[in-house]
Amino acid sequence: MIQAEGVAEVTDATFGEEVLKAGLPVLVEFTADWCPPCRQLAPVLSAVAAQEAARLKVVQLDVDANPETTNRYGVLAMPTMLVFRDGEPVKSMVGARPQRKLLQELADLL
């Protein structure tokens, strides 16, 4: 998995604790090693994680290693980003995007 700096990895086993029970909104990037747009998104996620640390938790989930969570949320394309609040997905975004656009899309959730 392309690990974005400063972004934790979650798994099928830790998803409930790390994402569904988190006190902050959580941006989950569903990613894979074989996904070129995921590589483009990694530095964007790192920057957003650092900039919004007080208001947003950012994590990554490797779809190949964690099929249970991937299937539960119907993720078919990489990268898919889901934002969870209070244990529920409240926003879905597919594809890489620049940091400014991502922050605009997240603004109403922060």
N, C-alpha and C. Protein backbone atom coordinates (compact mmCIF):
# COMPACT_ATOMS: atom_id res chain seq x y z
N MET A 1 0.84 -1.19 0.00
CA MET A 1 0.00 0.00 0.00
C MET A 1 0.88 1.24 0.00
N ILE A 2 0.50 2.25 -0.75
CA ILE A 2 1.22 3.52 -0.76
C ILE A 2 0.84 4.26 0.51
N GLN A 3 1.74 4.30 1.46
CA GLN A 3 1.45 4.91 2.75
C GLN A 3 1.64 6.43 2.66
N ALA A 4 0.59 7.17 2.94
CA ALA A 4 0.70 8.62 3.01
C ALA A 4 1.30 8.99 4.37
N GLU A 5 2.28 9.86 4.36
CA GLU A 5 2.96 10.24 5.59
C GLU A 5 1.99 10.90 6.56
N GLY A 6 2.03 10.44 7.83
CA GLY A 6 1.16 11.02 8.85
C GLY A 6 -0.27 10.52 8.79
N VAL A 7 -0.52 9.49 7.97
CA VAL A 7 -1.87 8.93 7.82
C VAL A 7 -1.83 7.48 8.29
N ALA A 8 -2.65 7.15 9.28
CA ALA A 8 -2.64 5.80 9.84
C ALA A 8 -3.33 4.82 8.89
N GLU A 9 -2.93 3.57 8.99
CA GLU A 9 -3.58 2.51 8.23
C GLU A 9 -4.59 1.81 9.13
N VAL A 10 -5.78 1.56 8.59
CA VAL A 10 -6.77 0.77 9.32
C VAL A 10 -7.01 -0.52 8.55
N THR A 11 -7.55 -1.52 9.26
CA THR A 11 -7.80 -2.83 8.68
C THR A 11 -9.23 -3.24 8.99
N ASP A 12 -9.65 -4.37 8.43
CA ASP A 12 -10.97 -4.92 8.77
C ASP A 12 -11.10 -5.03 10.29
N ALA A 13 -10.02 -5.47 10.94
CA ALA A 13 -10.06 -5.72 12.39
C ALA A 13 -10.14 -4.43 13.21
N THR A 14 -9.53 -3.34 12.72
CA THR A 14 -9.47 -2.10 13.52
C THR A 14 -10.47 -1.04 13.06
N PHE A 15 -11.18 -1.29 11.96
CA PHE A 15 -12.05 -0.27 11.37
C PHE A 15 -13.10 0.24 12.36
N GLY A 16 -13.74 -0.66 13.07
CA GLY A 16 -14.78 -0.26 14.01
C GLY A 16 -14.27 0.69 15.07
N GLU A 17 -13.15 0.33 15.67
CA GLU A 17 -12.57 1.15 16.74
C GLU A 17 -12.01 2.47 16.21
N GLU A 18 -11.25 2.40 15.13
CA GLU A 18 -10.53 3.58 14.62
C GLU A 18 -11.42 4.56 13.85
N VAL A 19 -12.46 4.04 13.19
CA VAL A 19 -13.29 4.88 12.32
C VAL A 19 -14.69 5.08 12.90
N LEU A 20 -15.39 3.98 13.14
CA LEU A 20 -16.80 4.09 13.54
C LEU A 20 -16.97 4.68 14.93
N LYS A 21 -15.98 4.48 15.82
CA LYS A 21 -16.08 5.00 17.19
C LYS A 21 -15.26 6.26 17.41
N ALA A 22 -14.70 6.83 16.34
CA ALA A 22 -13.84 8.01 16.47
C ALA A 22 -14.66 9.22 16.91
N GLY A 23 -14.05 10.10 17.68
CA GLY A 23 -14.71 11.31 18.14
C GLY A 23 -14.80 12.39 17.08
N LEU A 24 -13.91 12.34 16.11
CA LEU A 24 -13.87 13.33 15.02
C LEU A 24 -14.46 12.71 13.76
N PRO A 25 -14.84 13.53 12.78
CA PRO A 25 -15.12 12.97 11.46
C PRO A 25 -13.85 12.27 10.94
N VAL A 26 -14.02 11.18 10.19
CA VAL A 26 -12.89 10.40 9.69
C VAL A 26 -12.98 10.31 8.17
N LEU A 27 -11.89 10.70 7.51
CA LEU A 27 -11.77 10.52 6.06
C LEU A 27 -11.01 9.22 5.84
N VAL A 28 -11.66 8.24 5.20
CA VAL A 28 -11.04 6.96 4.91
C VAL A 28 -10.74 6.89 3.42
N GLU A 29 -9.47 6.70 3.08
CA GLU A 29 -9.13 6.48 1.67
C GLU A 29 -9.00 4.98 1.46
N PHE A 30 -9.84 4.46 0.56
CA PHE A 30 -9.72 3.05 0.15
C PHE A 30 -8.71 3.05 -0.99
N THR A 31 -7.59 2.33 -0.79
CA THR A 31 -6.45 2.45 -1.69
C THR A 31 -5.89 1.08 -2.04
N ALA A 32 -4.99 1.05 -3.02
CA ALA A 32 -4.34 -0.19 -3.42
C ALA A 32 -2.98 0.13 -4.04
N ASP A 33 -2.05 -0.82 -3.91
CA ASP A 33 -0.71 -0.64 -4.48
C ASP A 33 -0.72 -0.42 -5.98
N TRP A 34 -1.67 -1.06 -6.68
CA TRP A 34 -1.69 -1.05 -8.14
C TRP A 34 -2.41 0.16 -8.72
N CYS A 35 -2.73 1.14 -7.89
CA CYS A 35 -3.58 2.26 -8.29
C CYS A 35 -2.77 3.55 -8.45
N PRO A 36 -2.45 3.97 -9.71
CA PRO A 36 -1.68 5.21 -9.91
C PRO A 36 -2.32 6.46 -9.30
N PRO A 37 -3.66 6.67 -9.43
CA PRO A 37 -4.23 7.88 -8.80
C PRO A 37 -4.09 7.88 -7.27
N CYS A 38 -4.00 6.68 -6.68
CA CYS A 38 -3.79 6.61 -5.23
C CYS A 38 -2.42 7.19 -4.86
N ARG A 39 -1.43 6.95 -5.72
CA ARG A 39 -0.09 7.51 -5.47
C ARG A 39 -0.14 9.03 -5.54
N GLN A 40 -0.91 9.56 -6.50
CA GLN A 40 -1.05 11.01 -6.63
C GLN A 40 -1.72 11.61 -5.39
N LEU A 41 -2.63 10.85 -4.80
CA LEU A 41 -3.41 11.36 -3.68
C LEU A 41 -2.64 11.32 -2.35
N ALA A 42 -1.63 10.46 -2.25
CA ALA A 42 -0.92 10.29 -0.98
C ALA A 42 -0.39 11.60 -0.39
N PRO A 43 0.33 12.45 -1.16
CA PRO A 43 0.82 13.70 -0.56
C PRO A 43 -0.32 14.67 -0.21
N VAL A 44 -1.41 14.60 -0.95
CA VAL A 44 -2.58 15.45 -0.65
C VAL A 44 -3.17 15.03 0.70
N LEU A 45 -3.33 13.73 0.91
CA LEU A 45 -3.86 13.23 2.19
C LEU A 45 -2.94 13.59 3.34
N SER A 46 -1.63 13.48 3.12
CA SER A 46 -0.67 13.84 4.17
C SER A 46 -0.84 15.30 4.57
N ALA A 47 -0.97 16.18 3.57
CA ALA A 47 -1.12 17.61 3.84
C ALA A 47 -2.43 17.91 4.56
N VAL A 48 -3.52 17.29 4.11
CA VAL A 48 -4.83 17.51 4.75
C VAL A 48 -4.81 16.97 6.18
N ALA A 49 -4.20 15.81 6.38
CA ALA A 49 -4.12 15.23 7.73
C ALA A 49 -3.39 16.17 8.69
N ALA A 50 -2.30 16.77 8.22
CA ALA A 50 -1.52 17.68 9.05
C ALA A 50 -2.29 18.98 9.30
N GLN A 51 -2.88 19.51 8.25
CA GLN A 51 -3.55 20.81 8.34
C GLN A 51 -4.83 20.75 9.17
N GLU A 52 -5.57 19.64 9.08
CA GLU A 52 -6.88 19.54 9.73
C GLU A 52 -6.88 18.58 10.92
N ALA A 53 -5.71 18.31 11.49
CA ALA A 53 -5.59 17.30 12.55
C ALA A 53 -6.56 17.52 13.72
N ALA A 54 -6.85 18.77 14.03
CA ALA A 54 -7.73 19.06 15.16
C ALA A 54 -9.20 18.78 14.84
N ARG A 55 -9.54 18.75 13.53
CA ARG A 55 -10.95 18.63 13.14
C ARG A 55 -11.29 17.38 12.35
N LEU A 56 -10.25 16.67 11.86
CA LEU A 56 -10.50 15.54 10.97
C LEU A 56 -9.42 14.49 11.16
N LYS A 57 -9.84 13.23 11.25
CA LYS A 57 -8.90 12.11 11.29
C LYS A 57 -8.82 11.54 9.88
N VAL A 58 -7.62 11.29 9.38
CA VAL A 58 -7.44 10.76 8.03
C VAL A 58 -6.76 9.40 8.14
N VAL A 59 -7.34 8.37 7.52
CA VAL A 59 -6.78 7.02 7.55
C VAL A 59 -6.86 6.40 6.16
N GLN A 60 -6.10 5.32 5.97
CA GLN A 60 -6.10 4.59 4.71
C GLN A 60 -6.44 3.13 4.97
N LEU A 61 -7.12 2.51 4.00
CA LEU A 61 -7.45 1.10 4.08
C LEU A 61 -7.05 0.44 2.76
N ASP A 62 -6.23 -0.60 2.85
CA ASP A 62 -5.78 -1.34 1.67
C ASP A 62 -6.90 -2.30 1.26
N VAL A 63 -7.48 -2.07 0.07
CA VAL A 63 -8.65 -2.86 -0.35
C VAL A 63 -8.30 -4.33 -0.57
N ASP A 64 -7.09 -4.61 -1.03
CA ASP A 64 -6.71 -5.99 -1.30
C ASP A 64 -6.57 -6.80 -0.01
N ALA A 65 -6.09 -6.15 1.04
CA ALA A 65 -5.88 -6.84 2.31
C ALA A 65 -7.12 -6.83 3.21
N ASN A 66 -8.10 -5.99 2.88
CA ASN A 66 -9.27 -5.81 3.75
C ASN A 66 -10.58 -5.85 2.96
N PRO A 67 -10.89 -7.03 2.38
CA PRO A 67 -12.08 -7.12 1.52
C PRO A 67 -13.40 -6.95 2.27
N GLU A 68 -13.42 -7.29 3.54
CA GLU A 68 -14.67 -7.21 4.31
C GLU A 68 -15.21 -5.78 4.38
N THR A 69 -14.36 -4.86 4.79
CA THR A 69 -14.77 -3.46 4.90
C THR A 69 -15.02 -2.87 3.52
N THR A 70 -14.17 -3.21 2.55
CA THR A 70 -14.33 -2.71 1.18
C THR A 70 -15.70 -3.11 0.63
N ASN A 71 -16.08 -4.37 0.80
CA ASN A 71 -17.37 -4.86 0.31
C ASN A 71 -18.54 -4.28 1.08
N ARG A 72 -18.37 -4.10 2.39
CA ARG A 72 -19.46 -3.59 3.23
C ARG A 72 -19.92 -2.21 2.75
N TYR A 73 -18.98 -1.39 2.28
CA TYR A 73 -19.32 -0.04 1.84
C TYR A 73 -19.40 0.08 0.31
N GLY A 74 -19.38 -1.06 -0.38
CA GLY A 74 -19.60 -1.08 -1.83
C GLY A 74 -18.55 -0.33 -2.63
N VAL A 75 -17.32 -0.34 -2.15
CA VAL A 75 -16.25 0.38 -2.84
C VAL A 75 -15.78 -0.43 -4.04
N LEU A 76 -15.87 0.17 -5.22
CA LEU A 76 -15.50 -0.51 -6.46
C LEU A 76 -14.34 0.16 -7.18
N ALA A 77 -14.17 1.46 -7.02
CA ALA A 77 -13.13 2.21 -7.73
C ALA A 77 -12.09 2.73 -6.73
N MET A 78 -10.85 2.82 -7.19
CA MET A 78 -9.79 3.36 -6.34
C MET A 78 -9.27 4.65 -6.97
N PRO A 79 -8.93 5.65 -6.19
CA PRO A 79 -9.21 5.72 -4.76
C PRO A 79 -10.65 6.19 -4.51
N THR A 80 -11.27 5.61 -3.52
CA THR A 80 -12.55 6.11 -3.02
C THR A 80 -12.29 6.65 -1.63
N MET A 81 -12.83 7.83 -1.36
CA MET A 81 -12.74 8.41 -0.02
C MET A 81 -14.14 8.50 0.56
N LEU A 82 -14.31 7.93 1.74
CA LEU A 82 -15.57 8.04 2.46
C LEU A 82 -15.32 8.83 3.73
N VAL A 83 -16.21 9.75 4.03
CA VAL A 83 -16.12 10.49 5.29
C VAL A 83 -17.18 9.91 6.22
N PHE A 84 -16.73 9.52 7.42
CA PHE A 84 -17.63 8.97 8.43
C PHE A 84 -17.79 9.97 9.55
N ARG A 85 -19.02 10.10 10.02
CA ARG A 85 -19.30 10.91 11.20
C ARG A 85 -20.25 10.11 12.07
N ASP A 86 -19.92 9.98 13.35
CA ASP A 86 -20.74 9.21 14.30
C ASP A 86 -21.04 7.81 13.78
N GLY A 87 -20.05 7.18 13.15
CA GLY A 87 -20.18 5.80 12.71
C GLY A 87 -20.89 5.60 11.40
N GLU A 88 -21.31 6.68 10.74
CA GLU A 88 -22.05 6.56 9.48
C GLU A 88 -21.30 7.27 8.36
N PRO A 89 -21.31 6.68 7.14
CA PRO A 89 -20.71 7.39 6.01
C PRO A 89 -21.61 8.56 5.60
N VAL A 90 -21.03 9.77 5.54
CA VAL A 90 -21.82 10.96 5.23
C VAL A 90 -21.41 11.60 3.90
N LYS A 91 -20.29 11.16 3.34
CA LYS A 91 -19.86 11.71 2.04
C LYS A 91 -18.97 10.70 1.35
N SER A 92 -19.10 10.63 0.02
CA SER A 92 -18.29 9.73 -0.78
C SER A 92 -17.69 10.51 -1.94
N MET A 93 -16.39 10.30 -2.19
CA MET A 93 -15.69 10.96 -3.29
C MET A 93 -14.83 9.91 -3.98
N VAL A 94 -14.85 9.89 -5.31
CA VAL A 94 -14.07 8.92 -6.06
C VAL A 94 -13.06 9.65 -6.93
N GLY A 95 -11.80 9.18 -6.87
CA GLY A 95 -10.76 9.75 -7.71
C GLY A 95 -9.86 10.72 -6.97
N ALA A 96 -8.65 10.89 -7.52
CA ALA A 96 -7.70 11.82 -6.93
C ALA A 96 -8.14 13.24 -7.25
N ARG A 97 -7.76 14.16 -6.37
CA ARG A 97 -8.04 15.58 -6.60
C ARG A 97 -6.99 16.39 -5.86
N PRO A 98 -6.80 17.65 -6.29
CA PRO A 98 -5.82 18.50 -5.60
C PRO A 98 -6.30 18.87 -4.19
N GLN A 99 -5.34 19.26 -3.37
CA GLN A 99 -5.63 19.56 -1.96
C GLN A 99 -6.73 20.62 -1.82
N ARG A 100 -6.66 21.69 -2.60
CA ARG A 100 -7.64 22.77 -2.46
C ARG A 100 -9.05 22.27 -2.72
N LYS A 101 -9.20 21.46 -3.76
CA LYS A 101 -10.54 20.92 -4.10
C LYS A 101 -11.03 19.97 -3.01
N LEU A 102 -10.14 19.14 -2.49
CA LEU A 102 -10.53 18.21 -1.43
C LEU A 102 -10.99 18.98 -0.20
N LEU A 103 -10.25 20.03 0.18
CA LEU A 103 -10.63 20.82 1.35
C LEU A 103 -11.98 21.52 1.12
N GLN A 104 -12.24 21.97 -0.12
CA GLN A 104 -13.53 22.59 -0.43
C GLN A 104 -14.65 21.57 -0.24
N GLU A 105 -14.42 20.35 -0.71
CA GLU A 105 -15.44 19.31 -0.61
C GLU A 105 -15.68 18.88 0.84
N LEU A 106 -14.68 19.03 1.67
CA LEU A 106 -14.80 18.65 3.08
C LEU A 106 -15.31 19.78 3.96
N ALA A 107 -15.33 21.00 3.45
CA ALA A 107 -15.60 22.19 4.27
C ALA A 107 -16.90 22.09 5.06
N ASP A 108 -17.95 21.57 4.45
CA ASP A 108 -19.24 21.50 5.16
C ASP A 108 -19.27 20.42 6.23
N LEU A 109 -18.26 19.57 6.28
CA LEU A 109 -18.24 18.48 7.27
C LEU A 109 -17.33 18.78 8.45
N LEU A 110 -16.50 19.82 8.32
CA LEU A 110 -15.52 20.11 9.39
C LEU A 110 -16.04 21.16 10.36
